[in-house]
Amino acid sequence: QVQLVESGGGLVQPGGSLRLSCAASGSIWSINSRGWYCQASGKQRELVAAITSGGSINYADSVKGRFTISRDNAKNTVYLQMNSLKPEDTAVYYCKMSYRYQFKLLEVWGQGTLVTVSS
């Protein structure tokens, strides 16, 4: 059973910072990519940031310059450092991993962690 466990969400004031973590475990042959998505109330889930196994990174325009995705392969963990947070960043943030196992390309999602930006 492959699982992603997220942590780090919470309540923060505008301009503040949070760091989200997502730890992977289970039977994984190789990782294709890992990413963070957000879903605000009543809206579709959208890509925030992603990183491939080769280290290529992609960010949504709305978070460029404020958020940073990184990984620690030894800990099987990906992070999202969120700085200069805005109220419009308020959403549930989900970690996703695309991976290969038994010659299949699979995806797994974390449980989500709520980020609330409010004064």
C-alpha atoms as a PDB file:
ATOM      1  CA  GLN A   1       0.000   0.000   0.000  1.00  0.00           C
ATOM      2  CA  VAL A   2       1.475   3.283  -1.148  1.00  0.00           C
ATOM      3  CA  GLN A   3       0.588   6.228   1.022  1.00  0.00           C
ATOM      4  CA  LEU A   4       1.266   9.939   1.217  1.00  0.00           C
ATOM      5  CA  VAL A   5       1.000  11.613   4.604  1.00  0.00           C
ATOM      6  CA  GLU A   6       0.796  15.393   4.698  1.00  0.00           C
ATOM      7  CA  SER A   7       1.465  17.820   7.505  1.00  0.00           C
ATOM      8  CA  GLY A   8       2.145  21.493   8.125  1.00  0.00           C
ATOM      9  CA  GLY A   9      -1.148  23.217   7.419  1.00  0.00           C
ATOM     10  CA  GLY A  10      -2.766  25.674   9.762  1.00  0.00           C
ATOM     11  CA  LEU A  11      -3.862  29.243  10.335  1.00  0.00           C
ATOM     12  CA  VAL A  12      -1.471  32.025   9.396  1.00  0.00           C
ATOM     13  CA  GLN A  13      -1.734  35.795   8.999  1.00  0.00           C
ATOM     14  CA  PRO A  14      -1.335  37.481   5.619  1.00  0.00           C
ATOM     15  CA  GLY A  15       2.349  37.866   4.830  1.00  0.00           C
ATOM     16  CA  GLY A  16       3.252  34.891   6.960  1.00  0.00           C
ATOM     17  CA  SER A  17       4.830  31.575   6.045  1.00  0.00           C
ATOM     18  CA  LEU A  18       4.128  27.873   6.301  1.00  0.00           C
ATOM     19  CA  ARG A  19       5.966  24.761   5.217  1.00  0.00           C
ATOM     20  CA  LEU A  20       4.008  21.729   4.109  1.00  0.00           C
ATOM     21  CA  SER A  21       5.516  18.256   4.142  1.00  0.00           C
ATOM     22  CA  CYS A  22       4.494  15.094   2.315  1.00  0.00           C
ATOM     23  CA  ALA A  23       6.111  11.767   3.155  1.00  0.00           C
ATOM     24  CA  ALA A  24       5.737   8.745   0.879  1.00  0.00           C
ATOM     25  CA  SER A  25       5.858   5.083   1.828  1.00  0.00           C
ATOM     26  CA  GLY A  26       5.087   1.737   0.206  1.00  0.00           C
ATOM     27  CA  SER A  27       6.061  -0.305  -2.836  1.00  0.00           C
ATOM     28  CA  ILE A  28       7.471   2.101  -5.387  1.00  0.00           C
ATOM     29  CA  TRP A  29       9.735   1.152  -8.274  1.00  0.00           C
ATOM     30  CA  SER A  30      10.437   4.701  -9.291  1.00  0.00           C
ATOM     31  CA  ILE A  31       8.956   8.152  -8.895  1.00  0.00           C
ATOM     32  CA  ASN A  32       8.007  10.105 -11.986  1.00  0.00           C
ATOM     33  CA  SER A  33       6.963  13.307 -10.282  1.00  0.00           C
ATOM     34  CA  ARG A  34       5.666  14.821  -7.083  1.00  0.00           C
ATOM     35  CA  GLY A  35       3.447  17.824  -6.814  1.00  0.00           C
ATOM     36  CA  TRP A  36       1.262  20.059  -4.717  1.00  0.00           C
ATOM     37  CA  TYR A  37      -2.290  21.000  -5.645  1.00  0.00           C
ATOM     38  CA  CYS A  38      -4.756  23.318  -3.988  1.00  0.00           C
ATOM     39  CA  GLN A  39      -8.521  23.266  -3.875  1.00  0.00           C
ATOM     40  CA  ALA A  40     -10.437  26.218  -2.503  1.00  0.00           C
ATOM     41  CA  SER A  41     -14.075  25.959  -1.498  1.00  0.00           C
ATOM     42  CA  GLY A  42     -16.271  25.608  -4.545  1.00  0.00           C
ATOM     43  CA  LYS A  43     -13.344  25.533  -6.983  1.00  0.00           C
ATOM     44  CA  GLN A  44     -11.486  22.912  -8.973  1.00  0.00           C
ATOM     45  CA  ARG A  45      -8.250  21.392  -7.795  1.00  0.00           C
ATOM     46  CA  GLU A  46      -5.309  23.178  -9.395  1.00  0.00           C
ATOM     47  CA  LEU A  47      -1.593  22.564  -9.688  1.00  0.00           C
ATOM     48  CA  VAL A  48       0.555  24.692  -7.408  1.00  0.00           C
ATOM     49  CA  ALA A  49       4.007  23.215  -7.966  1.00  0.00           C
ATOM     50  CA  ALA A  50       5.554  20.020  -9.273  1.00  0.00           C
ATOM     51  CA  ILE A  51       8.981  18.444  -9.441  1.00  0.00           C
ATOM     52  CA  THR A  52      10.072  15.545 -11.632  1.00  0.00           C
ATOM     53  CA  SER A  53      12.510  12.779 -10.796  1.00  0.00           C
ATOM     54  CA  GLY A  54      15.102  14.660 -12.821  1.00  0.00           C
ATOM     55  CA  GLY A  55      14.594  17.837 -10.831  1.00  0.00           C
ATOM     56  CA  SER A  56      12.544  19.882 -13.286  1.00  0.00           C
ATOM     57  CA  ILE A  57      10.191  22.257 -11.472  1.00  0.00           C
ATOM     58  CA  ASN A  58       6.996  23.951 -12.547  1.00  0.00           C
ATOM     59  CA  TYR A  59       4.967  26.542 -10.625  1.00  0.00           C
ATOM     60  CA  ALA A  60       1.578  28.097 -11.073  1.00  0.00           C
ATOM     61  CA  ASP A  61       1.892  31.745 -12.052  1.00  0.00           C
ATOM     62  CA  SER A  62       0.069  32.831  -8.918  1.00  0.00           C
ATOM     63  CA  VAL A  63       2.752  31.431  -6.604  1.00  0.00           C
ATOM     64  CA  LYS A  64       5.953  32.131  -8.512  1.00  0.00           C
ATOM     65  CA  GLY A  65       8.388  34.008  -6.332  1.00  0.00           C
ATOM     66  CA  ARG A  66       6.495  33.111  -3.158  1.00  0.00           C
ATOM     67  CA  PHE A  67       6.367  29.307  -2.981  1.00  0.00           C
ATOM     68  CA  THR A  68       9.207  26.827  -3.322  1.00  0.00           C
ATOM     69  CA  ILE A  69       8.947  23.087  -3.865  1.00  0.00           C
ATOM     70  CA  SER A  70      11.820  20.891  -2.748  1.00  0.00           C
ATOM     71  CA  ARG A  71      12.519  17.279  -1.892  1.00  0.00           C
ATOM     72  CA  ASP A  72      14.622  15.133   0.373  1.00  0.00           C
ATOM     73  CA  ASN A  73      15.008  11.789  -1.358  1.00  0.00           C
ATOM     74  CA  ALA A  74      16.618  10.161   1.674  1.00  0.00           C
ATOM     75  CA  LYS A  75      13.480  10.932   3.681  1.00  0.00           C
ATOM     76  CA  ASN A  76      11.055  10.232   0.810  1.00  0.00           C
ATOM     77  CA  THR A  77       9.597  13.642   1.486  1.00  0.00           C
ATOM     78  CA  VAL A  78       8.601  16.611  -0.622  1.00  0.00           C
ATOM     79  CA  TYR A  79       8.060  20.080   0.814  1.00  0.00           C
ATOM     80  CA  LEU A  80       6.228  23.225  -0.117  1.00  0.00           C
ATOM     81  CA  GLN A  81       7.637  26.367   1.449  1.00  0.00           C
ATOM     82  CA  MET A  82       4.971  29.063   1.308  1.00  0.00           C
ATOM     83  CA  ASN A  83       6.020  32.656   1.929  1.00  0.00           C
ATOM     84  CA  SER A  84       4.185  35.971   1.651  1.00  0.00           C
ATOM     85  CA  LEU A  85       0.889  34.195   2.042  1.00  0.00           C
ATOM     86  CA  LYS A  86      -2.276  35.898   0.861  1.00  0.00           C
ATOM     87  CA  PRO A  87      -5.914  35.317   1.832  1.00  0.00           C
ATOM     88  CA  GLU A  88      -6.527  33.954  -1.659  1.00  0.00           C
ATOM     89  CA  ASP A  89      -4.058  31.152  -0.900  1.00  0.00           C
ATOM     90  CA  THR A  90      -6.596  29.733   1.539  1.00  0.00           C
ATOM     91  CA  ALA A  91      -7.363  26.199   0.399  1.00  0.00           C
ATOM     92  CA  VAL A  92      -6.890  22.537   1.096  1.00  0.00           C
ATOM     93  CA  TYR A  93      -3.476  21.527  -0.219  1.00  0.00           C
ATOM     94  CA  TYR A  94      -2.991  18.029  -1.566  1.00  0.00           C
ATOM     95  CA  CYS A  95       0.229  16.210  -2.271  1.00  0.00           C
ATOM     96  CA  LYS A  96       0.352  13.945  -5.324  1.00  0.00           C
ATOM     97  CA  MET A  97       2.890  11.394  -6.456  1.00  0.00           C
ATOM     98  CA  SER A  98       3.134   9.793  -9.868  1.00  0.00           C
ATOM     99  CA  TYR A  99       5.110   6.572  -9.718  1.00  0.00           C
ATOM    100  CA  ARG A 100       5.775   3.262 -11.432  1.00  0.00           C
ATOM    101  CA  TYR A 101       5.149  -0.163  -9.950  1.00  0.00           C
ATOM    102  CA  GLN A 102       5.007  -3.466 -11.888  1.00  0.00           C
ATOM    103  CA  PHE A 103       5.355  -1.605 -15.185  1.00  0.00           C
ATOM    104  CA  LYS A 104       2.334   0.567 -14.451  1.00  0.00           C
ATOM    105  CA  LEU A 105       2.191   4.299 -14.072  1.00  0.00           C
ATOM    106  CA  LEU A 106       0.128   5.089 -11.001  1.00  0.00           C
ATOM    107  CA  GLU A 107      -0.912   8.077  -8.944  1.00  0.00           C
ATOM    108  CA  VAL A 108      -1.605   8.484  -5.257  1.00  0.00           C
ATOM    109  CA  TRP A 109      -2.902  11.482  -3.321  1.00  0.00           C
ATOM    110  CA  GLY A 110      -2.349  12.643   0.206  1.00  0.00           C
ATOM    111  CA  GLN A 111      -5.219  13.302   2.568  1.00  0.00           C
ATOM    112  CA  GLY A 112      -5.013  17.071   2.219  1.00  0.00           C
ATOM    113  CA  THR A 113      -4.062  19.725   4.728  1.00  0.00           C
ATOM    114  CA  LEU A 114      -5.960  22.969   5.258  1.00  0.00           C
ATOM    115  CA  VAL A 115      -4.162  26.284   4.929  1.00  0.00           C
ATOM    116  CA  THR A 116      -6.095  29.317   6.141  1.00  0.00           C
ATOM    117  CA  VAL A 117      -4.664  32.796   5.598  1.00  0.00           C
ATOM    118  CA  SER A 118      -6.571  35.348   7.620  1.00  0.00           C
ATOM    119  CA  SER A 119      -6.038  38.188  10.055  1.00  0.00           C
END
